């Protein structure tokens, strides 16, 4: 009976270790996705700022033409 319990325990430990390894791999993937999204977000913010500057400049030109 004791050997059977040890075998079950060993099996559960092995399963737990495998699950932990899979979770670590998933975590690394999610960290990479997060880093990619942060980079995309920064790029989009820069593009938005550039567009805002261009529009502000064009509105300024229109205001000068009206005056």
PDB file of N, CA and C in Angstrom:
ATOM      1  N   UNK A   1       0.828  -1.193   0.000  1.00  0.00           N
ATOM      2  CA  UNK A   1       0.000   0.000   0.000  1.00  0.00           C
ATOM      3  C   UNK A   1       0.869   1.252   0.000  1.00  0.00           C
ATOM      4  N   UNK A   2       1.914   1.228   0.738  1.00  0.00           N
ATOM      5  CA  UNK A   2       2.801   2.364   0.862  1.00  0.00           C
ATOM      6  C   UNK A   2       3.484   2.688  -0.472  1.00  0.00           C
ATOM      7  N   UNK A   3       3.901   1.655  -1.195  1.00  0.00           N
ATOM      8  CA  UNK A   3       4.525   1.873  -2.498  1.00  0.00           C
ATOM      9  C   UNK A   3       3.534   2.455  -3.489  1.00  0.00           C
ATOM     10  N   UNK A   4       2.299   2.031  -3.381  1.00  0.00           N
ATOM     11  CA  UNK A   4       1.257   2.556  -4.269  1.00  0.00           C
ATOM     12  C   UNK A   4       1.031   4.048  -4.000  1.00  0.00           C
ATOM     13  N   UNK A   5       1.019   4.425  -2.737  1.00  0.00           N
ATOM     14  CA  UNK A   5       0.848   5.838  -2.381  1.00  0.00           C
ATOM     15  C   UNK A   5       2.027   6.669  -2.854  1.00  0.00           C
ATOM     16  N   UNK A   6       3.231   6.138  -2.697  1.00  0.00           N
ATOM     17  CA  UNK A   6       4.419   6.839  -3.169  1.00  0.00           C
ATOM     18  C   UNK A   6       4.385   7.008  -4.688  1.00  0.00           C
ATOM     19  N   UNK A   7       3.916   5.997  -5.368  1.00  0.00           N
ATOM     20  CA  UNK A   7       3.810   6.063  -6.814  1.00  0.00           C
ATOM     21  C   UNK A   7       2.790   7.127  -7.229  1.00  0.00           C
ATOM     22  N   UNK A   8       1.664   7.177  -6.529  1.00  0.00           N
ATOM     23  CA  UNK A   8       0.651   8.196  -6.816  1.00  0.00           C
ATOM     24  C   UNK A   8       1.193   9.595  -6.548  1.00  0.00           C
ATOM     25  N   UNK A   9       1.903   9.714  -5.446  1.00  0.00           N
ATOM     26  CA  UNK A   9       2.496  11.001  -5.104  1.00  0.00           C
ATOM     27  C   UNK A   9       3.512  11.434  -6.167  1.00  0.00           C
ATOM     28  N   UNK A  10       4.335  10.503  -6.585  1.00  0.00           N
ATOM     29  CA  UNK A  10       5.318  10.790  -7.623  1.00  0.00           C
ATOM     30  C   UNK A  10       4.629  11.238  -8.911  1.00  0.00           C
ATOM     31  N   UNK A  11       3.570  10.570  -9.255  1.00  0.00           N
ATOM     32  CA  UNK A  11       2.815  10.916 -10.455  1.00  0.00           C
ATOM     33  C   UNK A  11       2.216  12.321 -10.347  1.00  0.00           C
ATOM     34  N   UNK A  12       1.658  12.634  -9.201  1.00  0.00           N
ATOM     35  CA  UNK A  12       1.074  13.964  -8.994  1.00  0.00           C
ATOM     36  C   UNK A  12       2.142  15.053  -9.017  1.00  0.00           C
ATOM     37  N   UNK A  13       3.280  14.759  -8.441  1.00  0.00           N
ATOM     38  CA  UNK A  13       4.383  15.728  -8.447  1.00  0.00           C
ATOM     39  C   UNK A  13       4.855  15.963  -9.881  1.00  0.00           C
ATOM     40  N   UNK A  14       4.987  14.890 -10.646  1.00  0.00           N
ATOM     41  CA  UNK A  14       5.418  15.011 -12.038  1.00  0.00           C
ATOM     42  C   UNK A  14       4.407  15.835 -12.842  1.00  0.00           C
ATOM     43  N   UNK A  15       3.132  15.575 -12.635  1.00  0.00           N
ATOM     44  CA  UNK A  15       2.081  16.332 -13.317  1.00  0.00           C
ATOM     45  C   UNK A  15       2.134  17.801 -12.925  1.00  0.00           C
ATOM     46  N   UNK A  16       2.358  18.055 -11.660  1.00  0.00           N
ATOM     47  CA  UNK A  16       2.451  19.431 -11.176  1.00  0.00           C
ATOM     48  C   UNK A  16       3.646  20.148 -11.796  1.00  0.00           C
ATOM     49  N   UNK A  17       4.775  19.484 -11.870  1.00  0.00           N
ATOM     50  CA  UNK A  17       5.965  20.078 -12.478  1.00  0.00           C
ATOM     51  C   UNK A  17       5.749  20.383 -13.961  1.00  0.00           C
ATOM     52  N   UNK A  18       5.088  19.474 -14.657  1.00  0.00           N
ATOM     53  CA  UNK A  18       4.787  19.697 -16.072  1.00  0.00           C
ATOM     54  C   UNK A  18       3.840  20.884 -16.243  1.00  0.00           C
ATOM     55  N   UNK A  19       2.856  20.956 -15.374  1.00  0.00           N
ATOM     56  CA  UNK A  19       1.910  22.071 -15.425  1.00  0.00           C
ATOM     57  C   UNK A  19       2.621  23.389 -15.148  1.00  0.00           C
ATOM     58  N   UNK A  20       3.511  23.399 -14.179  1.00  0.00           N
ATOM     59  CA  UNK A  20       4.284  24.597 -13.878  1.00  0.00           C
ATOM     60  C   UNK A  20       5.130  25.030 -15.067  1.00  0.00           C
ATOM     61  N   UNK A  21       5.737  24.078 -15.736  1.00  0.00           N
ATOM     62  CA  UNK A  21       6.566  24.400 -16.899  1.00  0.00           C
ATOM     63  C   UNK A  21       5.715  24.999 -18.020  1.00  0.00           C
ATOM     64  N   UNK A  22       4.543  24.425 -18.240  1.00  0.00           N
ATOM     65  CA  UNK A  22       3.639  24.965 -19.257  1.00  0.00           C
ATOM     66  C   UNK A  22       3.191  26.377 -18.890  1.00  0.00           C
ATOM     67  N   UNK A  23       2.900  26.600 -17.625  1.00  0.00           N
ATOM     68  CA  UNK A  23       2.482  27.926 -17.178  1.00  0.00           C
ATOM     69  C   UNK A  23       3.608  28.945 -17.333  1.00  0.00           C
ATOM     70  N   UNK A  24       4.833  28.525 -17.073  1.00  0.00           N
ATOM     71  CA  UNK A  24       5.971  29.419 -17.269  1.00  0.00           C
ATOM     72  C   UNK A  24       6.108  29.810 -18.738  1.00  0.00           C
ATOM     73  N   UNK A  25       5.919  28.843 -19.629  1.00  0.00           N
ATOM     74  CA  UNK A  25       6.004  29.124 -21.051  1.00  0.00           C
ATOM     75  C   UNK A  25       4.877  30.077 -21.481  1.00  0.00           C
ATOM     76  N   UNK A  26       3.678  29.837 -20.981  1.00  0.00           N
ATOM     77  CA  UNK A  26       2.554  30.724 -21.288  1.00  0.00           C
ATOM     78  C   UNK A  26       2.818  32.134 -20.774  1.00  0.00           C
ATOM     79  N   UNK A  27       3.384  32.231 -19.585  1.00  0.00           N
ATOM     80  CA  UNK A  27       3.695  33.537 -19.008  1.00  0.00           C
ATOM     81  C   UNK A  27       4.700  34.285 -19.881  1.00  0.00           C
ATOM     82  N   UNK A  28       5.716  33.600 -20.361  1.00  0.00           N
ATOM     83  CA  UNK A  28       6.704  34.236 -21.228  1.00  0.00           C
ATOM     84  C   UNK A  28       6.059  34.716 -22.529  1.00  0.00           C
ATOM     85  N   UNK A  29       5.152  33.910 -23.080  1.00  0.00           N
ATOM     86  CA  UNK A  29       4.443  34.311 -24.294  1.00  0.00           C
ATOM     87  C   UNK A  29       3.617  35.571 -24.037  1.00  0.00           C
ATOM     88  N   UNK A  30       2.924  35.603 -22.906  1.00  0.00           N
ATOM     89  CA  UNK A  30       2.091  36.754 -22.574  1.00  0.00           C
ATOM     90  C   UNK A  30       2.945  37.999 -22.322  1.00  0.00           C
ATOM     91  N   UNK A  31       4.114  37.813 -21.713  1.00  0.00           N
ATOM     92  CA  UNK A  31       5.031  38.946 -21.513  1.00  0.00           C
ATOM     93  C   UNK A  31       5.482  39.506 -22.853  1.00  0.00           C
ATOM     94  N   UNK A  32       5.762  38.613 -23.806  1.00  0.00           N
ATOM     95  CA  UNK A  32       6.190  39.047 -25.141  1.00  0.00           C
ATOM     96  C   UNK A  32       5.057  39.784 -25.843  1.00  0.00           C
ATOM     97  N   UNK A  33       3.839  39.257 -25.740  1.00  0.00           N
ATOM     98  CA  UNK A  33       2.682  39.924 -26.340  1.00  0.00           C
ATOM     99  C   UNK A  33       2.486  41.304 -25.722  1.00  0.00           C
ATOM    100  N   UNK A  34       2.646  41.375 -24.418  1.00  0.00           N
ATOM    101  CA  UNK A  34       2.495  42.646 -23.719  1.00  0.00           C
ATOM    102  C   UNK A  34       3.534  43.657 -24.189  1.00  0.00           C
ATOM    103  N   UNK A  35       4.766  43.206 -24.344  1.00  0.00           N
ATOM    104  CA  UNK A  35       5.827  44.096 -24.820  1.00  0.00           C
ATOM    105  C   UNK A  35       5.524  44.577 -26.238  1.00  0.00           C
ATOM    106  N   UNK A  36       5.033  43.666 -27.080  1.00  0.00           N
ATOM    107  CA  UNK A  36       4.679  44.043 -28.452  1.00  0.00           C
ATOM    108  C   UNK A  36       3.543  45.060 -28.464  1.00  0.00           C
ATOM    109  N   UNK A  37       2.546  44.834 -27.628  1.00  0.00           N
ATOM    110  CA  UNK A  37       1.422  45.770 -27.556  1.00  0.00           C
ATOM    111  C   UNK A  37       1.858  47.130 -27.025  1.00  0.00           C
ATOM    112  N   UNK A  38       2.768  47.129 -26.073  1.00  0.00           N
ATOM    113  CA  UNK A  38       3.276  48.397 -25.541  1.00  0.00           C
ATOM    114  C   UNK A  38       4.019  49.164 -26.636  1.00  0.00           C
ATOM    115  N   UNK A  39       4.774  48.459 -27.454  1.00  0.00           N
ATOM    116  CA  UNK A  39       5.487  49.104 -28.559  1.00  0.00           C
ATOM    117  C   UNK A  39       4.504  49.648 -29.589  1.00  0.00           C
ATOM    118  N   UNK A  40       3.490  48.869 -29.926  1.00  0.00           N
ATOM    119  CA  UNK A  40       2.462  49.333 -30.870  1.00  0.00           C
ATOM    120  C   UNK A  40       1.742  50.552 -30.319  1.00  0.00           C
ATOM    121  N   UNK A  41       1.445  50.522 -29.036  1.00  0.00           N
ATOM    122  CA  UNK A  41       0.768  51.642 -28.388  1.00  0.00           C
ATOM    123  C   UNK A  41       1.616  52.906 -28.483  1.00  0.00           C
ATOM    124  N   UNK A  42       2.911  52.776 -28.239  1.00  0.00           N
ATOM    125  CA  UNK A  42       3.814  53.922 -28.316  1.00  0.00           C
ATOM    126  C   UNK A  42       3.864  54.467 -29.739  1.00  0.00           C
ATOM    127  N   UNK A  43       3.930  53.575 -30.709  1.00  0.00           N
ATOM    128  CA  UNK A  43       3.951  53.997 -32.110  1.00  0.00           C
ATOM    129  C   UNK A  43       2.661  54.743 -32.466  1.00  0.00           C
ATOM    130  N   UNK A  44       1.539  54.213 -32.041  1.00  0.00           N
ATOM    131  CA  UNK A  44       0.253  54.859 -32.332  1.00  0.00           C
ATOM    132  C   UNK A  44       0.136  56.219 -31.644  1.00  0.00           C
ATOM    133  N   UNK A  45       0.661  56.324 -30.438  1.00  0.00           N
ATOM    134  CA  UNK A  45       0.650  57.616 -29.748  1.00  0.00           C
ATOM    135  C   UNK A  45       1.479  58.647 -30.511  1.00  0.00           C
ATOM    136  N   UNK A  46       2.626  58.214 -31.029  1.00  0.00           N
ATOM    137  CA  UNK A  46       3.478  59.117 -31.807  1.00  0.00           C
ATOM    138  C   UNK A  46       2.777  59.545 -33.098  1.00  0.00           C
ATOM    139  N   UNK A  47       2.107  58.601 -33.754  1.00  0.00           N
ATOM    140  CA  UNK A  47       1.372  58.929 -34.971  1.00  0.00           C
ATOM    141  C   UNK A  47       0.239  59.911 -34.670  1.00  0.00           C
ATOM    142  N   UNK A  48      -0.467  59.682 -33.584  1.00  0.00           N
ATOM    143  CA  UNK A  48      -1.558  60.576 -33.185  1.00  0.00           C
ATOM    144  C   UNK A  48      -1.037  61.978 -32.906  1.00  0.00           C
ATOM    145  N   UNK A  49       0.070  62.068 -32.226  1.00  0.00           N
ATOM    146  CA  UNK A  49       0.675  63.365 -31.931  1.00  0.00           C
ATOM    147  C   UNK A  49       1.070  64.074 -33.222  1.00  0.00           C
ATOM    148  N   UNK A  50       1.631  63.316 -34.146  1.00  0.00           N
ATOM    149  CA  UNK A  50       2.030  63.887 -35.434  1.00  0.00           C
ATOM    150  C   UNK A  50       0.812  64.413 -36.191  1.00  0.00           C
ATOM    151  N   UNK A  51      -0.248  63.633 -36.208  1.00  0.00           N
ATOM    152  CA  UNK A  51      -1.478  64.073 -36.885  1.00  0.00           C
ATOM    153  C   UNK A  51      -2.057  65.314 -36.205  1.00  0.00           C
ATOM    154  N   UNK A  52      -2.039  65.322 -34.888  1.00  0.00           N
ATOM    155  CA  UNK A  52      -2.547  66.496 -34.163  1.00  0.00           C
ATOM    156  C   UNK A  52      -1.739  67.746 -34.518  1.00  0.00           C
ATOM    157  N   UNK A  53      -0.423  67.601 -34.609  1.00  0.00           N
ATOM    158  CA  UNK A  53       0.425  68.735 -34.979  1.00  0.00           C
ATOM    159  C   UNK A  53       0.101  69.224 -36.390  1.00  0.00           C
ATOM    160  N   UNK A  54      -0.077  68.280 -37.310  1.00  0.00           N
ATOM    161  CA  UNK A  54      -0.403  68.655 -38.689  1.00  0.00           C
ATOM    162  C   UNK A  54      -1.750  69.374 -38.767  1.00  0.00           C
ATOM    163  N   UNK A  55      -2.740  68.843 -38.069  1.00  0.00           N
ATOM    164  CA  UNK A  55      -4.076  69.454 -38.091  1.00  0.00           C
ATOM    165  C   UNK A  55      -4.048  70.829 -37.450  1.00  0.00           C
ATOM    166  N   UNK A  56      -3.335  70.951 -36.351  1.00  0.00           N
ATOM    167  CA  UNK A  56      -3.210  72.260 -35.700  1.00  0.00           C
ATOM    168  C   UNK A  56      -2.564  73.264 -36.651  1.00  0.00           C
ATOM    169  N   UNK A  57      -1.554  72.837 -37.372  1.00  0.00           N
ATOM    170  CA  UNK A  57      -0.897  73.704 -38.341  1.00  0.00           C
ATOM    171  C   UNK A  57      -1.841  74.111 -39.463  1.00  0.00           C
ATOM    172  N   UNK A  58      -2.610  73.166 -39.965  1.00  0.00           N
ATOM    173  CA  UNK A  58      -3.557  73.474 -41.037  1.00  0.00           C
ATOM    174  C   UNK A  58      -4.657  74.419 -40.564  1.00  0.00           C
ATOM    175  N   UNK A  59      -5.153  74.204 -39.362  1.00  0.00           N
ATOM    176  CA  UNK A  59      -6.170  75.106 -38.803  1.00  0.00           C
ATOM    177  C   UNK A  59      -5.577  76.505 -38.642  1.00  0.00           C
ATOM    178  N   UNK A  60      -4.335  76.577 -38.213  1.00  0.00           N
ATOM    179  CA  UNK A  60      -3.659  77.869 -38.092  1.00  0.00           C
ATOM    180  C   UNK A  60      -3.558  78.571 -39.441  1.00  0.00           C
ATOM    181  N   UNK A  61      -3.221  77.816 -40.488  1.00  0.00           N
ATOM    182  CA  UNK A  61      -3.152  78.393 -41.829  1.00  0.00           C
ATOM    183  C   UNK A  61      -4.519  78.896 -42.282  1.00  0.00           C
ATOM    184  N   UNK A  62      -5.548  78.113 -42.009  1.00  0.00           N
ATOM    185  CA  UNK A  62      -6.905  78.540 -42.380  1.00  0.00           C
ATOM    186  C   UNK A  62      -7.302  79.798 -41.619  1.00  0.00           C
ATOM    187  N   UNK A  63      -6.979  79.860 -40.352  1.00  0.00           N
ATOM    188  CA  UNK A  63      -7.294  81.046 -39.549  1.00  0.00           C
ATOM    189  C   UNK A  63      -6.565  82.272 -40.079  1.00  0.00           C
ATOM    190  N   UNK A  64      -5.336  82.115 -40.532  1.00  0.00           N
ATOM    191  CA  UNK A  64      -4.573  83.231 -41.092  1.00  0.00           C
ATOM    192  C   UNK A  64      -5.182  83.685 -42.420  1.00  0.00           C
ATOM    193  N   UNK A  65      -5.704  82.761 -43.184  1.00  0.00           N
ATOM    194  CA  UNK A  65      -6.333  83.113 -44.456  1.00  0.00           C
ATOM    195  C   UNK A  65      -7.637  83.872 -44.249  1.00  0.00           C
ATOM    196  N   UNK A  66      -8.387  83.510 -43.204  1.00  0.00           N
ATOM    197  CA  UNK A  66      -9.665  84.152 -42.922  1.00  0.00           C
ATOM    198  C   UNK A  66      -9.447  85.560 -42.381  1.00  0.00           C
ATOM    199  N   UNK A  67      -8.413  85.735 -41.601  1.00  0.00           N
ATOM    200  CA  UNK A  67      -8.142  87.046 -40.998  1.00  0.00           C
ATOM    201  C   UNK A  67      -7.688  87.972 -42.025  1.00  0.00           C
TER     202      UNK A  67
END
